[in-house]
Every structure is written in C-alpha cells, then in structure tokens.
Amino acid sequence: MHNASDTTYYNLDSIMIYDPSVSYDAVTNEIPSVPFVDYWSGLFSFNDTFMDHLHEKWEACGYADFWEEAMTFPPKGVLPDPPNVGANVTGCSLWVSVHQRLEIQPTVEQN
C-alpha cells in the first residue's frame, strides 16, 4: 500500500478532477459508433460480414432510431431517453465490439 504519511506526495491542500463525461456512455460511445466506423471505413478496413453485423445490431438496439430522432440540429425538442442507458442489453456494446475487432486485426508490413 502507499505510504499516505509521506508528506512529499500526500500533503495535499486541494485537488481538482476534470470529468469530461457530458452524457450517457450510450450517447457518447455506443450510438455514434457505427456512423463513426462508416465515416472512417478506410482506416478501419473491417470486412463486410463484420460491418453488416454492426449495422444489424445498431438498428436492433434502437441506436439508429435515436440517431435519426435526436442527433439533428436544431433539436426537435426535448431529447428522448437513449436506448441501453444502463449498458445492460446483451449485444449492444458496439464500441466494445469495434475495439475488440481492432485488437485482432493483423498488421501488414509494406516492403
């Protein structure tokens, strides 16, 4: 354990923590994940099977409807509650799927 009595490191007068979260994780991560991957498709280079899977899940989880309804400017009014706010719907963690897929992508060396 840390030696909390060490005044060199633990003699704090104050502390400030910035938390950049301004909305639900579903709104900042999950819902825009498919449009983001579509836009940057040249960088991700996912195969068609995986992209079809992402699009199917995006629609099945209600993210596509929320995107069409809420992600407009100017807003149509009060934003509806986003789907899967509690991140408890199985198969709707699309951003996690994207990250996992990136971890298994083979690297290609150019000679």
N, C-alpha and C. Protein backbone atom coordinates (compact mmCIF):
# COMPACT_ATOMS: atom_id res chain seq x y z
N MET A 1 0.84 -1.18 0.00
CA MET A 1 0.00 0.00 0.00
C MET A 1 0.88 1.25 0.00
N HIS A 2 0.31 2.33 -0.46
CA HIS A 2 1.06 3.59 -0.46
C HIS A 2 1.26 4.09 0.96
N ASN A 3 2.36 4.75 1.15
CA ASN A 3 2.63 5.34 2.45
C ASN A 3 1.98 6.72 2.50
N ALA A 4 0.75 6.77 2.96
CA ALA A 4 -0.03 8.01 2.98
C ALA A 4 0.55 9.05 3.94
N SER A 5 1.44 8.63 4.81
CA SER A 5 2.03 9.61 5.73
C SER A 5 3.24 10.31 5.12
N ASP A 6 3.62 9.96 3.93
CA ASP A 6 4.73 10.60 3.23
C ASP A 6 4.25 11.97 2.72
N THR A 7 4.64 13.03 3.38
CA THR A 7 4.15 14.37 3.05
C THR A 7 4.68 14.91 1.74
N THR A 8 5.69 14.27 1.17
CA THR A 8 6.19 14.70 -0.12
C THR A 8 5.12 14.51 -1.19
N TYR A 9 4.39 13.41 -1.09
CA TYR A 9 3.40 13.09 -2.10
C TYR A 9 1.95 13.19 -1.61
N TYR A 10 1.74 13.15 -0.33
CA TYR A 10 0.37 13.09 0.18
C TYR A 10 -0.01 14.27 1.06
N ASN A 11 0.67 15.38 0.98
CA ASN A 11 0.35 16.55 1.77
C ASN A 11 -0.42 17.54 0.87
N LEU A 12 -1.58 17.14 0.44
CA LEU A 12 -2.36 17.95 -0.49
C LEU A 12 -3.18 19.00 0.24
N ASP A 13 -3.20 20.19 -0.34
CA ASP A 13 -4.08 21.24 0.16
C ASP A 13 -5.44 21.17 -0.52
N SER A 14 -5.42 20.77 -1.76
CA SER A 14 -6.67 20.68 -2.52
C SER A 14 -6.45 19.77 -3.72
N ILE A 15 -7.55 19.45 -4.38
CA ILE A 15 -7.47 18.60 -5.56
C ILE A 15 -8.61 18.98 -6.50
N MET A 16 -8.35 18.90 -7.79
CA MET A 16 -9.38 19.18 -8.79
C MET A 16 -9.38 18.02 -9.78
N ILE A 17 -10.57 17.51 -10.07
CA ILE A 17 -10.70 16.40 -11.01
C ILE A 17 -11.62 16.85 -12.13
N TYR A 18 -11.16 16.72 -13.36
CA TYR A 18 -12.00 17.01 -14.52
C TYR A 18 -12.57 15.71 -15.04
N ASP A 19 -13.86 15.67 -15.23
CA ASP A 19 -14.52 14.50 -15.80
C ASP A 19 -15.23 14.98 -17.07
N PRO A 20 -14.70 14.62 -18.24
CA PRO A 20 -15.27 15.14 -19.47
C PRO A 20 -16.59 14.48 -19.89
N SER A 21 -17.11 13.57 -19.10
CA SER A 21 -18.38 12.93 -19.46
C SER A 21 -19.49 13.95 -19.37
N VAL A 22 -20.15 14.17 -20.51
CA VAL A 22 -21.22 15.16 -20.54
C VAL A 22 -22.56 14.51 -20.83
N SER A 23 -22.56 13.19 -21.03
CA SER A 23 -23.79 12.48 -21.33
C SER A 23 -23.62 11.02 -20.98
N TYR A 24 -24.64 10.25 -21.27
CA TYR A 24 -24.58 8.81 -21.05
C TYR A 24 -23.54 8.18 -21.98
N ASP A 25 -22.93 7.09 -21.54
CA ASP A 25 -21.98 6.37 -22.40
C ASP A 25 -22.66 5.89 -23.68
N ALA A 26 -23.93 5.54 -23.59
CA ALA A 26 -24.65 5.10 -24.79
C ALA A 26 -24.67 6.21 -25.84
N VAL A 27 -24.79 7.45 -25.40
CA VAL A 27 -24.86 8.58 -26.34
C VAL A 27 -23.48 8.95 -26.87
N THR A 28 -22.46 8.87 -26.04
CA THR A 28 -21.13 9.29 -26.46
C THR A 28 -20.32 8.19 -27.11
N ASN A 29 -20.63 6.91 -26.83
CA ASN A 29 -19.84 5.81 -27.36
C ASN A 29 -20.62 4.89 -28.28
N GLU A 30 -21.70 4.32 -27.77
CA GLU A 30 -22.39 3.26 -28.50
C GLU A 30 -23.16 3.77 -29.72
N ILE A 31 -23.96 4.78 -29.53
CA ILE A 31 -24.84 5.26 -30.62
C ILE A 31 -24.04 5.80 -31.81
N PRO A 32 -23.00 6.61 -31.60
CA PRO A 32 -22.26 7.11 -32.78
C PRO A 32 -21.21 6.14 -33.32
N SER A 33 -21.08 4.96 -32.74
CA SER A 33 -20.00 4.06 -33.16
C SER A 33 -20.11 3.63 -34.62
N VAL A 34 -21.31 3.29 -35.09
CA VAL A 34 -21.46 2.84 -36.47
C VAL A 34 -21.27 3.99 -37.47
N PRO A 35 -21.88 5.16 -37.26
CA PRO A 35 -21.58 6.26 -38.18
C PRO A 35 -20.09 6.63 -38.19
N PHE A 36 -19.44 6.52 -37.04
CA PHE A 36 -18.00 6.82 -36.96
C PHE A 36 -17.20 5.81 -37.78
N VAL A 37 -17.50 4.52 -37.61
CA VAL A 37 -16.79 3.49 -38.36
C VAL A 37 -17.09 3.60 -39.85
N ASP A 38 -18.34 3.94 -40.20
CA ASP A 38 -18.67 4.14 -41.61
C ASP A 38 -17.86 5.28 -42.22
N TYR A 39 -17.80 6.39 -41.49
CA TYR A 39 -17.09 7.57 -41.99
C TYR A 39 -15.60 7.28 -42.19
N TRP A 40 -15.01 6.55 -41.25
CA TRP A 40 -13.59 6.26 -41.29
C TRP A 40 -13.32 4.83 -41.78
N SER A 41 -14.17 4.32 -42.65
CA SER A 41 -14.05 2.94 -43.11
C SER A 41 -12.70 2.64 -43.76
N GLY A 42 -12.10 3.62 -44.38
CA GLY A 42 -10.79 3.41 -44.99
C GLY A 42 -9.70 3.16 -43.98
N LEU A 43 -9.90 3.62 -42.76
CA LEU A 43 -8.90 3.39 -41.71
C LEU A 43 -9.16 2.09 -40.95
N PHE A 44 -10.43 1.72 -40.83
CA PHE A 44 -10.76 0.52 -40.06
C PHE A 44 -10.58 -0.76 -40.86
N SER A 45 -10.91 -0.76 -42.11
CA SER A 45 -10.79 -1.91 -43.01
C SER A 45 -11.42 -3.19 -42.45
N PHE A 46 -12.62 -3.05 -41.90
CA PHE A 46 -13.36 -4.22 -41.45
C PHE A 46 -13.99 -4.90 -42.65
N ASN A 47 -14.17 -6.21 -42.58
CA ASN A 47 -14.78 -6.93 -43.70
C ASN A 47 -16.30 -6.68 -43.70
N ASP A 48 -16.93 -7.05 -44.80
CA ASP A 48 -18.36 -6.79 -44.98
C ASP A 48 -19.21 -7.54 -43.97
N THR A 49 -18.79 -8.73 -43.58
CA THR A 49 -19.55 -9.51 -42.61
C THR A 49 -19.62 -8.79 -41.27
N PHE A 50 -18.50 -8.27 -40.80
CA PHE A 50 -18.48 -7.54 -39.54
C PHE A 50 -19.26 -6.23 -39.64
N MET A 51 -19.12 -5.52 -40.75
CA MET A 51 -19.86 -4.27 -40.94
C MET A 51 -21.36 -4.53 -40.98
N ASP A 52 -21.79 -5.60 -41.65
CA ASP A 52 -23.21 -5.95 -41.65
C ASP A 52 -23.69 -6.26 -40.25
N HIS A 53 -22.87 -6.96 -39.48
CA HIS A 53 -23.21 -7.28 -38.08
C HIS A 53 -23.38 -5.99 -37.27
N LEU A 54 -22.45 -5.06 -37.41
CA LEU A 54 -22.55 -3.79 -36.69
C LEU A 54 -23.83 -3.04 -37.04
N HIS A 55 -24.14 -2.98 -38.31
CA HIS A 55 -25.35 -2.27 -38.75
C HIS A 55 -26.62 -2.95 -38.24
N GLU A 56 -26.65 -4.27 -38.27
CA GLU A 56 -27.81 -5.00 -37.75
C GLU A 56 -28.00 -4.73 -36.26
N LYS A 57 -26.92 -4.80 -35.49
CA LYS A 57 -27.01 -4.54 -34.05
C LYS A 57 -27.38 -3.08 -33.78
N TRP A 58 -26.84 -2.17 -34.57
CA TRP A 58 -27.12 -0.73 -34.39
C TRP A 58 -28.62 -0.48 -34.52
N GLU A 59 -29.24 -1.13 -35.49
CA GLU A 59 -30.68 -0.98 -35.68
C GLU A 59 -31.47 -1.74 -34.62
N ALA A 60 -31.07 -2.98 -34.33
CA ALA A 60 -31.79 -3.81 -33.36
C ALA A 60 -31.75 -3.23 -31.95
N CYS A 61 -30.67 -2.55 -31.61
CA CYS A 61 -30.54 -1.97 -30.27
C CYS A 61 -31.25 -0.62 -30.14
N GLY A 62 -31.80 -0.11 -31.23
CA GLY A 62 -32.51 1.16 -31.19
C GLY A 62 -31.64 2.37 -31.40
N TYR A 63 -30.37 2.14 -31.69
CA TYR A 63 -29.44 3.26 -31.86
C TYR A 63 -29.72 4.05 -33.14
N ALA A 64 -30.11 3.36 -34.20
CA ALA A 64 -30.39 4.04 -35.47
C ALA A 64 -31.57 4.99 -35.32
N ASP A 65 -32.62 4.54 -34.65
CA ASP A 65 -33.79 5.39 -34.43
C ASP A 65 -33.44 6.60 -33.59
N PHE A 66 -32.66 6.38 -32.53
CA PHE A 66 -32.24 7.50 -31.69
C PHE A 66 -31.39 8.48 -32.49
N TRP A 67 -30.49 7.96 -33.32
CA TRP A 67 -29.63 8.80 -34.15
C TRP A 67 -30.47 9.71 -35.04
N GLU A 68 -31.47 9.13 -35.69
CA GLU A 68 -32.33 9.90 -36.60
C GLU A 68 -33.18 10.92 -35.84
N GLU A 69 -33.64 10.56 -34.66
CA GLU A 69 -34.53 11.43 -33.88
C GLU A 69 -33.77 12.53 -33.15
N ALA A 70 -32.68 12.15 -32.50
CA ALA A 70 -32.05 13.07 -31.55
C ALA A 70 -30.80 13.77 -32.08
N MET A 71 -30.11 13.17 -33.00
CA MET A 71 -28.85 13.74 -33.46
C MET A 71 -29.07 14.66 -34.66
N THR A 72 -29.91 15.63 -34.47
CA THR A 72 -30.20 16.62 -35.50
C THR A 72 -29.99 18.01 -34.94
N PHE A 73 -29.75 18.95 -35.82
CA PHE A 73 -29.63 20.34 -35.40
C PHE A 73 -30.45 21.20 -36.34
N PRO A 74 -31.26 22.06 -35.82
CA PRO A 74 -31.52 22.27 -34.40
C PRO A 74 -32.35 21.13 -33.83
N PRO A 75 -32.28 20.95 -32.52
CA PRO A 75 -33.05 19.87 -31.89
C PRO A 75 -34.54 20.07 -32.13
N LYS A 76 -35.25 18.95 -32.21
CA LYS A 76 -36.69 19.00 -32.42
C LYS A 76 -37.45 19.31 -31.13
N GLY A 77 -36.76 19.24 -30.03
CA GLY A 77 -37.37 19.47 -28.72
C GLY A 77 -36.55 18.77 -27.66
N VAL A 78 -37.20 18.35 -26.61
CA VAL A 78 -36.52 17.63 -25.54
C VAL A 78 -36.06 16.29 -26.09
N LEU A 79 -34.83 15.94 -25.82
CA LEU A 79 -34.28 14.68 -26.32
C LEU A 79 -34.93 13.50 -25.62
N PRO A 80 -35.22 12.45 -26.36
CA PRO A 80 -35.77 11.24 -25.74
C PRO A 80 -34.68 10.53 -24.93
N ASP A 81 -35.10 9.66 -24.04
CA ASP A 81 -34.12 8.85 -23.31
C ASP A 81 -33.42 7.93 -24.30
N PRO A 82 -32.10 7.87 -24.25
CA PRO A 82 -31.38 6.99 -25.18
C PRO A 82 -31.59 5.53 -24.83
N PRO A 83 -31.52 4.66 -25.82
CA PRO A 83 -31.64 3.23 -25.54
C PRO A 83 -30.39 2.71 -24.83
N ASN A 84 -30.58 1.67 -24.04
CA ASN A 84 -29.48 0.97 -23.38
C ASN A 84 -28.63 1.88 -22.51
N VAL A 85 -29.27 2.77 -21.77
CA VAL A 85 -28.54 3.70 -20.89
C VAL A 85 -27.75 2.94 -19.83
N GLY A 86 -28.31 1.87 -19.34
CA GLY A 86 -27.63 1.09 -18.31
C GLY A 86 -26.60 0.11 -18.84
N ALA A 87 -26.41 0.08 -20.14
CA ALA A 87 -25.47 -0.83 -20.78
C ALA A 87 -25.71 -2.28 -20.36
N ASN A 88 -26.98 -2.62 -20.23
CA ASN A 88 -27.32 -3.96 -19.75
C ASN A 88 -28.00 -4.83 -20.80
N VAL A 89 -28.07 -4.36 -22.04
CA VAL A 89 -28.67 -5.14 -23.11
C VAL A 89 -27.56 -5.92 -23.81
N THR A 90 -27.66 -7.23 -23.77
CA THR A 90 -26.65 -8.08 -24.37
C THR A 90 -26.52 -7.83 -25.87
N GLY A 91 -25.29 -7.68 -26.32
CA GLY A 91 -25.02 -7.49 -27.74
C GLY A 91 -25.09 -6.06 -28.21
N CYS A 92 -25.33 -5.11 -27.32
CA CYS A 92 -25.47 -3.71 -27.74
C CYS A 92 -24.26 -2.86 -27.39
N SER A 93 -23.17 -3.47 -27.00
CA SER A 93 -21.93 -2.73 -26.73
C SER A 93 -21.11 -2.69 -28.01
N LEU A 94 -21.55 -1.87 -28.94
CA LEU A 94 -20.93 -1.84 -30.25
C LEU A 94 -19.53 -1.28 -30.23
N TRP A 95 -19.29 -0.28 -29.42
CA TRP A 95 -17.96 0.32 -29.36
C TRP A 95 -16.96 -0.70 -28.82
N VAL A 96 -17.39 -1.53 -27.88
CA VAL A 96 -16.53 -2.60 -27.38
C VAL A 96 -16.24 -3.60 -28.50
N SER A 97 -17.24 -3.91 -29.30
CA SER A 97 -17.04 -4.82 -30.44
C SER A 97 -16.02 -4.27 -31.41
N VAL A 98 -16.10 -2.98 -31.67
CA VAL A 98 -15.14 -2.34 -32.58
C VAL A 98 -13.73 -2.45 -32.00
N HIS A 99 -13.58 -2.14 -30.72
CA HIS A 99 -12.26 -2.22 -30.09
C HIS A 99 -11.72 -3.64 -30.10
N GLN A 100 -12.57 -4.60 -29.79
CA GLN A 100 -12.12 -6.00 -29.80
C GLN A 100 -11.68 -6.41 -31.20
N ARG A 101 -12.41 -5.97 -32.19
CA ARG A 101 -12.07 -6.32 -33.57
C ARG A 101 -10.74 -5.69 -33.97
N LEU A 102 -10.48 -4.48 -33.49
CA LEU A 102 -9.20 -3.83 -33.79
C LEU A 102 -8.03 -4.59 -33.19
N GLU A 103 -8.25 -5.19 -32.03
CA GLU A 103 -7.18 -5.92 -31.36
C GLU A 103 -6.77 -7.17 -32.12
N ILE A 104 -7.68 -7.74 -32.92
CA ILE A 104 -7.34 -8.97 -33.63
C ILE A 104 -7.02 -8.74 -35.10
N GLN A 105 -7.02 -7.48 -35.54
CA GLN A 105 -6.68 -7.17 -36.93
C GLN A 105 -5.20 -7.46 -37.15
N PRO A 106 -4.88 -8.20 -38.18
CA PRO A 106 -3.45 -8.45 -38.45
C PRO A 106 -2.78 -7.18 -38.99
N THR A 107 -1.53 -7.07 -38.71
CA THR A 107 -0.79 -5.92 -39.24
C THR A 107 -0.16 -6.31 -40.57
N VAL A 108 -0.05 -5.38 -41.44
CA VAL A 108 0.54 -5.62 -42.76
C VAL A 108 1.75 -4.72 -42.90
N GLU A 109 2.87 -5.32 -43.19
CA GLU A 109 4.08 -4.52 -43.38
C GLU A 109 4.30 -4.29 -44.86
N GLN A 110 4.62 -3.07 -45.19
CA GLN A 110 4.91 -2.70 -46.58
C GLN A 110 6.42 -2.76 -46.78
N ASN A 111 6.87 -3.45 -47.80
CA ASN A 111 8.31 -3.51 -48.09
C ASN A 111 8.65 -2.59 -49.23
